[in-house]
């Protein structure tokens, strides 16, 4: 099924956010997006094509969305997406699948990554605050992605790490 622009997904669309620990640029980013686009063009659940879209932000964040009003992604189809991304990780030189990292913008606006403990330590030192911009890769729907993919730490689950 042809891929649609991410902006055309309905608010109820299911999303998955994949975050790279390091920026993915140039030829590596082109390969990632080409392979993701190829996967999405043929993505199906139990033989039913999925209406899918993707968004690429800040050379780090790949968001995949599926309009589940016509057909929902199944466990097997989601596993296929994860396998595709895991296969690309060695080529890209960074992980995309996995969690436990905190993504935030430093004072210059650059995206940084830290473990949860490191982020808490940064808060203790005053390097990050409730006003620090954070990225929330746990958003489950397009509406949530629009509302809080990037927000202030004090307005998200990150507030628990601020001390």
N, C-alpha and C. Protein backbone atom coordinates (compact mmCIF):
# COMPACT_ATOMS: atom_id res chain seq x y z
N UNK A 1 0.86 -1.18 0.00
CA UNK A 1 0.00 0.00 0.00
C UNK A 1 0.90 1.23 0.00
N UNK A 2 0.55 2.24 -0.75
CA UNK A 2 1.38 3.44 -0.77
C UNK A 2 1.43 4.09 0.62
N UNK A 3 2.58 4.60 0.92
CA UNK A 3 2.78 5.31 2.17
C UNK A 3 2.10 6.67 2.06
N UNK A 4 1.55 7.15 3.18
CA UNK A 4 0.92 8.46 3.20
C UNK A 4 1.80 9.40 4.02
N UNK A 5 1.63 10.71 3.85
CA UNK A 5 2.38 11.65 4.70
C UNK A 5 1.96 11.47 6.17
N UNK A 6 2.92 11.58 7.07
CA UNK A 6 2.65 11.42 8.49
C UNK A 6 1.54 12.37 8.95
N UNK A 7 1.52 13.56 8.41
CA UNK A 7 0.53 14.57 8.80
C UNK A 7 -0.90 14.15 8.45
N UNK A 8 -1.06 13.16 7.57
CA UNK A 8 -2.39 12.70 7.17
C UNK A 8 -2.90 11.53 8.01
N UNK A 9 -2.08 11.04 8.93
CA UNK A 9 -2.57 9.99 9.82
C UNK A 9 -3.63 10.57 10.74
N UNK A 10 -4.66 9.79 11.08
CA UNK A 10 -5.67 10.29 12.02
C UNK A 10 -5.09 10.35 13.44
N UNK A 11 -5.68 11.16 14.31
CA UNK A 11 -5.18 11.27 15.69
C UNK A 11 -5.12 9.93 16.42
N UNK A 12 -5.98 8.98 16.04
CA UNK A 12 -6.02 7.68 16.72
C UNK A 12 -4.96 6.70 16.22
N UNK A 13 -4.20 7.08 15.20
CA UNK A 13 -3.21 6.17 14.62
C UNK A 13 -2.20 5.73 15.68
N UNK A 14 -1.83 4.46 15.65
CA UNK A 14 -0.83 3.91 16.56
C UNK A 14 0.54 4.32 16.06
N UNK A 15 1.42 4.76 16.97
CA UNK A 15 2.78 5.14 16.58
C UNK A 15 3.82 4.41 17.42
N UNK A 16 4.98 4.23 16.82
CA UNK A 16 6.16 3.71 17.49
C UNK A 16 7.29 4.68 17.20
N UNK A 17 8.00 5.09 18.23
CA UNK A 17 9.13 6.00 18.06
C UNK A 17 10.42 5.22 18.31
N UNK A 18 11.32 5.31 17.37
CA UNK A 18 12.63 4.68 17.47
C UNK A 18 13.66 5.81 17.56
N UNK A 19 14.51 5.74 18.57
CA UNK A 19 15.46 6.81 18.83
C UNK A 19 16.89 6.29 18.70
N UNK A 20 17.68 6.97 17.90
CA UNK A 20 19.09 6.62 17.73
C UNK A 20 19.92 7.30 18.81
N UNK A 21 20.86 6.57 19.38
CA UNK A 21 21.71 7.14 20.42
C UNK A 21 22.62 8.23 19.86
N UNK A 22 22.97 8.10 18.58
CA UNK A 22 23.81 9.10 17.91
C UNK A 22 23.09 9.57 16.66
N UNK A 23 23.39 10.78 16.19
CA UNK A 23 22.76 11.25 14.95
C UNK A 23 23.06 10.32 13.78
N UNK A 24 22.07 10.17 12.90
CA UNK A 24 22.21 9.38 11.68
C UNK A 24 22.04 10.37 10.53
N UNK A 25 23.10 10.59 9.78
CA UNK A 25 23.09 11.62 8.73
C UNK A 25 23.62 11.06 7.41
N UNK A 26 23.55 11.88 6.39
CA UNK A 26 24.14 11.56 5.10
C UNK A 26 23.64 10.26 4.51
N UNK A 27 24.59 9.47 3.98
CA UNK A 27 24.25 8.22 3.30
C UNK A 27 23.57 7.24 4.25
N UNK A 28 23.96 7.24 5.53
CA UNK A 28 23.34 6.33 6.49
C UNK A 28 21.86 6.66 6.66
N UNK A 29 21.54 7.94 6.78
CA UNK A 29 20.14 8.35 6.93
C UNK A 29 19.35 8.03 5.65
N UNK A 30 19.96 8.26 4.50
CA UNK A 30 19.29 7.95 3.24
C UNK A 30 18.99 6.46 3.14
N UNK A 31 19.93 5.63 3.55
CA UNK A 31 19.70 4.17 3.51
C UNK A 31 18.61 3.78 4.48
N UNK A 32 18.66 4.31 5.70
CA UNK A 32 17.64 4.00 6.69
C UNK A 32 16.26 4.33 6.15
N UNK A 33 16.08 5.54 5.65
CA UNK A 33 14.76 5.97 5.19
C UNK A 33 14.32 5.20 3.94
N UNK A 34 15.24 4.88 3.05
CA UNK A 34 14.89 4.11 1.86
C UNK A 34 14.42 2.71 2.26
N UNK A 35 15.12 2.08 3.19
CA UNK A 35 14.72 0.73 3.61
C UNK A 35 13.41 0.76 4.40
N UNK A 36 13.22 1.78 5.21
CA UNK A 36 11.95 1.91 5.94
C UNK A 36 10.81 2.14 4.96
N UNK A 37 11.02 3.01 3.98
CA UNK A 37 9.98 3.26 2.98
C UNK A 37 9.64 1.99 2.21
N UNK A 38 10.65 1.20 1.87
CA UNK A 38 10.42 -0.05 1.16
C UNK A 38 9.62 -1.01 2.05
N UNK A 39 9.98 -1.09 3.32
CA UNK A 39 9.25 -1.96 4.24
C UNK A 39 7.79 -1.50 4.35
N UNK A 40 7.58 -0.20 4.55
CA UNK A 40 6.22 0.31 4.73
C UNK A 40 5.35 0.10 3.50
N UNK A 41 5.97 0.18 2.31
CA UNK A 41 5.21 -0.01 1.07
C UNK A 41 4.61 -1.41 0.99
N UNK A 42 5.24 -2.38 1.62
CA UNK A 42 4.72 -3.74 1.58
C UNK A 42 4.20 -4.25 2.91
N UNK A 43 4.10 -3.35 3.90
CA UNK A 43 3.71 -3.78 5.25
C UNK A 43 2.26 -4.22 5.26
N UNK A 44 2.04 -5.42 5.79
CA UNK A 44 0.69 -5.99 5.86
C UNK A 44 0.55 -6.78 7.16
N UNK A 45 -0.68 -6.91 7.59
CA UNK A 45 -1.02 -7.74 8.75
C UNK A 45 -2.01 -8.79 8.30
N UNK A 46 -1.60 -10.03 8.37
CA UNK A 46 -2.45 -11.15 7.94
C UNK A 46 -2.95 -10.94 6.52
N UNK A 47 -2.06 -10.44 5.65
CA UNK A 47 -2.38 -10.25 4.25
C UNK A 47 -3.08 -8.95 3.91
N UNK A 48 -3.45 -8.17 4.91
CA UNK A 48 -4.14 -6.90 4.67
C UNK A 48 -3.11 -5.76 4.73
N UNK A 49 -2.99 -5.00 3.64
CA UNK A 49 -2.03 -3.90 3.64
C UNK A 49 -2.34 -2.88 4.74
N UNK A 50 -1.30 -2.33 5.32
CA UNK A 50 -1.45 -1.33 6.37
C UNK A 50 -1.22 0.07 5.82
N UNK A 51 -2.09 1.01 6.22
CA UNK A 51 -1.93 2.41 5.85
C UNK A 51 -0.91 2.99 6.82
N UNK A 52 0.32 3.22 6.34
CA UNK A 52 1.42 3.60 7.22
C UNK A 52 2.09 4.89 6.76
N UNK A 53 2.78 5.49 7.71
CA UNK A 53 3.52 6.72 7.45
C UNK A 53 4.74 6.74 8.36
N UNK A 54 5.68 7.61 8.01
CA UNK A 54 6.85 7.77 8.87
C UNK A 54 7.23 9.25 8.94
N UNK A 55 7.91 9.58 10.02
CA UNK A 55 8.43 10.93 10.24
C UNK A 55 9.86 10.78 10.74
N UNK A 56 10.78 11.60 10.24
CA UNK A 56 12.19 11.58 10.62
C UNK A 56 12.53 12.96 11.17
N UNK A 57 13.02 13.00 12.42
CA UNK A 57 13.31 14.29 13.07
C UNK A 57 14.67 14.31 13.70
N UNK A 58 15.31 15.45 13.61
CA UNK A 58 16.55 15.74 14.33
C UNK A 58 17.65 14.71 14.08
N UNK A 59 17.65 14.06 12.94
CA UNK A 59 18.65 13.05 12.59
C UNK A 59 18.73 11.92 13.61
N UNK A 60 17.66 11.73 14.41
CA UNK A 60 17.67 10.72 15.47
C UNK A 60 16.37 9.97 15.65
N UNK A 61 15.25 10.59 15.36
CA UNK A 61 13.96 10.04 15.77
C UNK A 61 13.13 9.62 14.56
N UNK A 62 12.89 8.32 14.49
CA UNK A 62 12.06 7.75 13.43
C UNK A 62 10.73 7.36 14.07
N UNK A 63 9.66 7.98 13.60
CA UNK A 63 8.33 7.63 14.09
C UNK A 63 7.58 6.94 12.97
N UNK A 64 7.04 5.77 13.27
CA UNK A 64 6.24 5.00 12.33
C UNK A 64 4.81 5.03 12.84
N UNK A 65 3.87 5.32 11.96
CA UNK A 65 2.46 5.35 12.34
C UNK A 65 1.63 4.47 11.44
N UNK A 66 0.56 3.89 12.03
CA UNK A 66 -0.37 3.05 11.29
C UNK A 66 -1.79 3.49 11.60
N UNK A 67 -2.55 3.74 10.54
CA UNK A 67 -3.98 4.03 10.68
C UNK A 67 -4.68 2.70 10.90
N UNK A 68 -5.09 2.44 12.12
CA UNK A 68 -5.68 1.14 12.45
C UNK A 68 -7.19 1.11 12.23
N UNK A 69 -7.75 2.16 11.63
CA UNK A 69 -9.20 2.16 11.39
C UNK A 69 -9.58 1.19 10.27
N UNK A 70 -8.63 0.88 9.39
CA UNK A 70 -8.92 -0.04 8.31
C UNK A 70 -8.32 -1.42 8.57
N UNK A 71 -7.13 -1.47 9.13
CA UNK A 71 -6.47 -2.72 9.49
C UNK A 71 -5.43 -2.41 10.55
N UNK A 72 -5.38 -3.22 11.58
CA UNK A 72 -4.44 -3.01 12.66
C UNK A 72 -3.18 -3.83 12.49
N UNK A 73 -2.08 -3.29 12.94
CA UNK A 73 -0.82 -4.02 12.91
C UNK A 73 -0.89 -5.17 13.91
N UNK A 74 -0.48 -6.34 13.46
CA UNK A 74 -0.49 -7.52 14.33
C UNK A 74 0.89 -7.69 14.96
N UNK A 75 0.98 -8.59 15.92
CA UNK A 75 2.26 -8.87 16.56
C UNK A 75 3.33 -9.26 15.56
N UNK A 76 2.97 -10.13 14.62
CA UNK A 76 3.93 -10.58 13.61
C UNK A 76 4.38 -9.44 12.70
N UNK A 77 3.43 -8.57 12.32
CA UNK A 77 3.80 -7.47 11.43
C UNK A 77 4.68 -6.45 12.17
N UNK A 78 4.42 -6.23 13.45
CA UNK A 78 5.24 -5.31 14.24
C UNK A 78 6.63 -5.91 14.43
N UNK A 79 6.69 -7.22 14.67
CA UNK A 79 7.99 -7.89 14.78
C UNK A 79 8.80 -7.69 13.51
N UNK A 80 8.15 -7.73 12.36
CA UNK A 80 8.85 -7.51 11.08
C UNK A 80 9.47 -6.13 11.01
N UNK A 81 8.77 -5.13 11.50
CA UNK A 81 9.31 -3.77 11.53
C UNK A 81 10.54 -3.72 12.43
N UNK A 82 10.43 -4.30 13.62
CA UNK A 82 11.56 -4.29 14.55
C UNK A 82 12.76 -5.03 13.96
N UNK A 83 12.53 -6.17 13.32
CA UNK A 83 13.63 -6.93 12.71
C UNK A 83 14.31 -6.11 11.62
N UNK A 84 13.52 -5.40 10.83
CA UNK A 84 14.10 -4.57 9.77
C UNK A 84 15.02 -3.52 10.36
N UNK A 85 14.59 -2.86 11.42
CA UNK A 85 15.41 -1.83 12.05
C UNK A 85 16.64 -2.43 12.74
N UNK A 86 16.47 -3.55 13.41
CA UNK A 86 17.61 -4.19 14.07
C UNK A 86 18.66 -4.62 13.06
N UNK A 87 18.23 -5.07 11.90
CA UNK A 87 19.17 -5.47 10.85
C UNK A 87 20.00 -4.28 10.37
N UNK A 88 19.43 -3.09 10.42
CA UNK A 88 20.13 -1.90 9.95
C UNK A 88 21.09 -1.30 11.00
N UNK A 89 20.90 -1.63 12.25
CA UNK A 89 21.70 -1.01 13.31
C UNK A 89 23.21 -1.11 13.09
N UNK A 90 23.76 -2.29 12.73
CA UNK A 90 25.22 -2.33 12.51
C UNK A 90 25.68 -1.44 11.36
N UNK A 91 24.85 -1.33 10.34
CA UNK A 91 25.17 -0.48 9.19
C UNK A 91 25.17 0.99 9.60
N UNK A 92 24.22 1.36 10.45
CA UNK A 92 24.08 2.75 10.88
C UNK A 92 25.08 3.13 11.98
N UNK A 93 25.57 2.13 12.69
CA UNK A 93 26.51 2.40 13.77
C UNK A 93 25.85 2.93 15.03
N UNK A 94 24.57 2.65 15.19
CA UNK A 94 23.84 3.07 16.39
C UNK A 94 22.63 2.18 16.57
N UNK A 95 22.13 2.14 17.78
CA UNK A 95 20.92 1.35 18.02
C UNK A 95 19.68 2.21 17.77
N UNK A 96 18.62 1.56 17.34
CA UNK A 96 17.32 2.21 17.15
C UNK A 96 16.26 1.54 18.01
N UNK A 97 16.47 0.26 18.28
CA UNK A 97 15.50 -0.53 19.00
C UNK A 97 16.05 -0.77 20.41
N UNK A 98 15.30 -0.36 21.37
CA UNK A 98 15.75 -0.48 22.76
C UNK A 98 15.32 0.76 23.50
N UNK A 99 15.48 0.74 24.77
CA UNK A 99 15.02 1.88 25.55
C UNK A 99 15.98 2.21 26.66
N UNK A 100 15.45 2.90 27.64
CA UNK A 100 16.24 3.25 28.80
C UNK A 100 17.03 4.53 28.67
N UNK A 101 16.99 5.16 27.53
CA UNK A 101 17.72 6.40 27.34
C UNK A 101 16.77 7.58 27.47
N UNK A 102 17.32 8.72 27.88
CA UNK A 102 16.57 9.96 27.97
C UNK A 102 17.14 10.89 26.90
N UNK A 103 16.26 11.47 26.12
CA UNK A 103 16.66 12.41 25.06
C UNK A 103 16.17 13.79 25.45
N UNK A 104 17.07 14.76 25.40
CA UNK A 104 16.73 16.13 25.80
C UNK A 104 17.54 17.11 24.97
N UNK A 105 17.12 18.36 25.01
CA UNK A 105 17.85 19.42 24.31
C UNK A 105 18.69 20.18 25.33
N UNK A 106 19.96 20.37 24.98
CA UNK A 106 20.81 21.17 25.86
C UNK A 106 20.51 22.66 25.65
N UNK A 107 21.21 23.50 26.33
CA UNK A 107 20.93 24.94 26.30
C UNK A 107 21.04 25.53 24.89
N UNK A 108 21.85 24.90 24.01
CA UNK A 108 22.00 25.39 22.64
C UNK A 108 20.94 24.81 21.70
N UNK A 109 20.10 23.87 22.21
CA UNK A 109 19.07 23.25 21.39
C UNK A 109 19.48 21.94 20.77
N UNK A 110 20.73 21.52 21.02
CA UNK A 110 21.24 20.26 20.49
C UNK A 110 20.62 19.09 21.25
N UNK A 111 20.22 18.04 20.52
CA UNK A 111 19.67 16.85 21.17
C UNK A 111 20.82 16.07 21.80
N UNK A 112 20.63 15.71 23.05
CA UNK A 112 21.60 14.92 23.82
C UNK A 112 20.90 13.67 24.34
N UNK A 113 21.68 12.69 24.72
CA UNK A 113 21.13 11.48 25.30
C UNK A 113 21.88 11.15 26.59
N UNK A 114 21.14 10.57 27.51
CA UNK A 114 21.72 10.19 28.80
C UNK A 114 20.94 9.00 29.35
N UNK A 115 21.57 8.26 30.23
CA UNK A 115 20.82 7.23 30.95
C UNK A 115 19.91 7.96 31.94
N UNK A 116 18.98 7.26 32.52
CA UNK A 116 18.09 7.88 33.51
C UNK A 116 18.89 8.40 34.70
N UNK A 117 19.88 7.61 35.16
CA UNK A 117 20.72 8.05 36.28
C UNK A 117 21.52 9.30 35.91
N UNK A 118 22.07 9.33 34.70
CA UNK A 118 22.83 10.50 34.26
C UNK A 118 21.93 11.73 34.19
N UNK A 119 20.70 11.55 33.70
CA UNK A 119 19.76 12.67 33.61
C UNK A 119 19.44 13.20 35.01
N UNK A 120 19.23 12.30 35.96
CA UNK A 120 18.98 12.72 37.35
C UNK A 120 20.17 13.47 37.92
N UNK A 121 21.37 13.02 37.60
CA UNK A 121 22.58 13.71 38.06
C UNK A 121 22.67 15.11 37.43
N UNK A 122 22.33 15.20 36.16
CA UNK A 122 22.31 16.52 35.49
C UNK A 122 21.31 17.44 36.19
N UNK A 123 20.18 16.89 36.62
CA UNK A 123 19.18 17.69 37.34
C UNK A 123 19.73 18.16 38.68
N UNK A 124 20.43 17.27 39.38
CA UNK A 124 21.02 17.62 40.68
C UNK A 124 22.00 18.77 40.52
N UNK A 125 22.74 18.78 39.43
CA UNK A 125 23.72 19.85 39.16
C UNK A 125 23.08 21.10 38.56
N UNK A 126 21.80 21.03 38.22
CA UNK A 126 21.12 22.17 37.63
C UNK A 126 21.30 22.31 36.14
N UNK A 127 21.91 21.30 35.51
CA UNK A 127 22.13 21.35 34.06
C UNK A 127 20.85 21.09 33.27
N UNK A 128 19.90 20.39 33.88
CA UNK A 128 18.57 20.22 33.31
C UNK A 128 17.55 20.57 34.39
N UNK A 129 16.42 21.12 33.96
CA UNK A 129 15.38 21.55 34.89
C UNK A 129 14.02 21.12 34.35
N UNK A 130 12.98 21.51 35.03
CA UNK A 130 11.63 21.23 34.57
C UNK A 130 11.30 21.90 33.25
N UNK A 131 12.08 22.90 32.89
CA UNK A 131 11.84 23.60 31.61
C UNK A 131 12.68 23.05 30.46
N UNK A 132 13.57 22.12 30.76
CA UNK A 132 14.38 21.49 29.71
C UNK A 132 13.47 20.74 28.75
N UNK A 133 13.70 20.92 27.46
CA UNK A 133 12.92 20.23 26.44
C UNK A 133 13.37 18.77 26.38
N UNK A 134 12.41 17.86 26.44
CA UNK A 134 12.69 16.43 26.36
C UNK A 134 11.86 15.81 25.25
N UNK A 135 12.34 14.67 24.77
CA UNK A 135 11.63 13.92 23.75
C UNK A 135 11.04 12.69 24.44
N UNK A 136 9.77 12.42 24.18
CA UNK A 136 9.09 11.29 24.82
C UNK A 136 8.81 10.21 23.78
N UNK A 137 9.68 9.20 23.69
CA UNK A 137 9.47 8.15 22.69
C UNK A 137 8.39 7.14 23.08
N UNK A 138 7.70 7.36 24.20
CA UNK A 138 6.67 6.42 24.64
C UNK A 138 5.27 6.79 24.17
N UNK A 139 5.14 7.86 23.40
CA UNK A 139 3.80 8.27 22.96
C UNK A 139 3.16 7.16 22.12
N UNK A 140 1.90 6.81 22.40
CA UNK A 140 1.28 5.67 21.71
C UNK A 140 0.45 6.01 20.48
N UNK A 141 0.01 7.26 20.34
CA UNK A 141 -0.85 7.63 19.22
C UNK A 141 -0.36 8.91 18.55
N UNK A 142 -0.89 9.15 17.37
CA UNK A 142 -0.53 10.37 16.64
C UNK A 142 -0.96 11.59 17.45
N UNK A 143 -2.12 11.56 18.10
CA UNK A 143 -2.57 12.70 18.92
C UNK A 143 -1.58 12.97 20.05
N UNK A 144 -1.13 11.91 20.71
CA UNK A 144 -0.14 12.07 21.78
C UNK A 144 1.18 12.58 21.22
N UNK A 145 1.56 12.08 20.06
CA UNK A 145 2.80 12.52 19.42
C UNK A 145 2.73 14.03 19.15
N UNK A 146 1.60 14.48 18.61
CA UNK A 146 1.43 15.92 18.35
C UNK A 146 1.51 16.73 19.65
N UNK A 147 0.90 16.21 20.71
CA UNK A 147 0.79 16.95 21.96
C UNK A 147 2.06 16.94 22.80
N UNK A 148 2.80 15.81 22.79
CA UNK A 148 3.89 15.73 23.76
C UNK A 148 5.12 14.95 23.32
N UNK A 149 5.31 14.77 22.02
CA UNK A 149 6.55 14.14 21.57
C UNK A 149 7.74 14.93 22.08
N UNK A 150 7.66 16.24 21.97
CA UNK A 150 8.68 17.11 22.57
C UNK A 150 7.97 18.08 23.49
N UNK A 151 8.39 18.10 24.75
CA UNK A 151 7.73 18.92 25.76
C UNK A 151 8.73 19.29 26.84
N UNK A 152 8.28 19.99 27.84
CA UNK A 152 9.14 20.32 28.98
C UNK A 152 9.22 19.13 29.93
N UNK A 153 10.39 18.91 30.50
CA UNK A 153 10.60 17.77 31.40
C UNK A 153 9.61 17.78 32.56
N UNK A 154 9.30 18.95 33.07
CA UNK A 154 8.38 19.05 34.20
C UNK A 154 6.95 18.70 33.87
N UNK A 155 6.62 18.59 32.58
CA UNK A 155 5.26 18.27 32.15
C UNK A 155 5.15 16.85 31.60
N UNK A 156 6.16 16.03 31.85
CA UNK A 156 6.18 14.67 31.32
C UNK A 156 6.63 13.70 32.40
N UNK A 157 6.72 12.44 32.05
CA UNK A 157 7.21 11.43 32.98
C UNK A 157 8.64 11.73 33.42
N UNK A 158 9.37 12.54 32.65
CA UNK A 158 10.75 12.90 33.00
C UNK A 158 10.83 13.65 34.34
N UNK A 159 9.71 14.24 34.76
CA UNK A 159 9.71 14.99 36.02
C UNK A 159 10.13 14.10 37.19
N UNK A 160 9.85 12.80 37.09
CA UNK A 160 10.24 11.88 38.19
C UNK A 160 11.75 11.76 38.31
N UNK A 161 12.48 12.14 37.28
CA UNK A 161 13.94 12.05 37.29
C UNK A 161 14.61 13.33 37.77
N UNK A 162 13.81 14.36 37.99
CA UNK A 162 14.36 15.67 38.33
C UNK A 162 14.68 15.82 39.83
N UNK A 163 14.20 14.89 40.61
CA UNK A 163 14.54 14.92 42.05
C UNK A 163 13.61 15.69 42.91
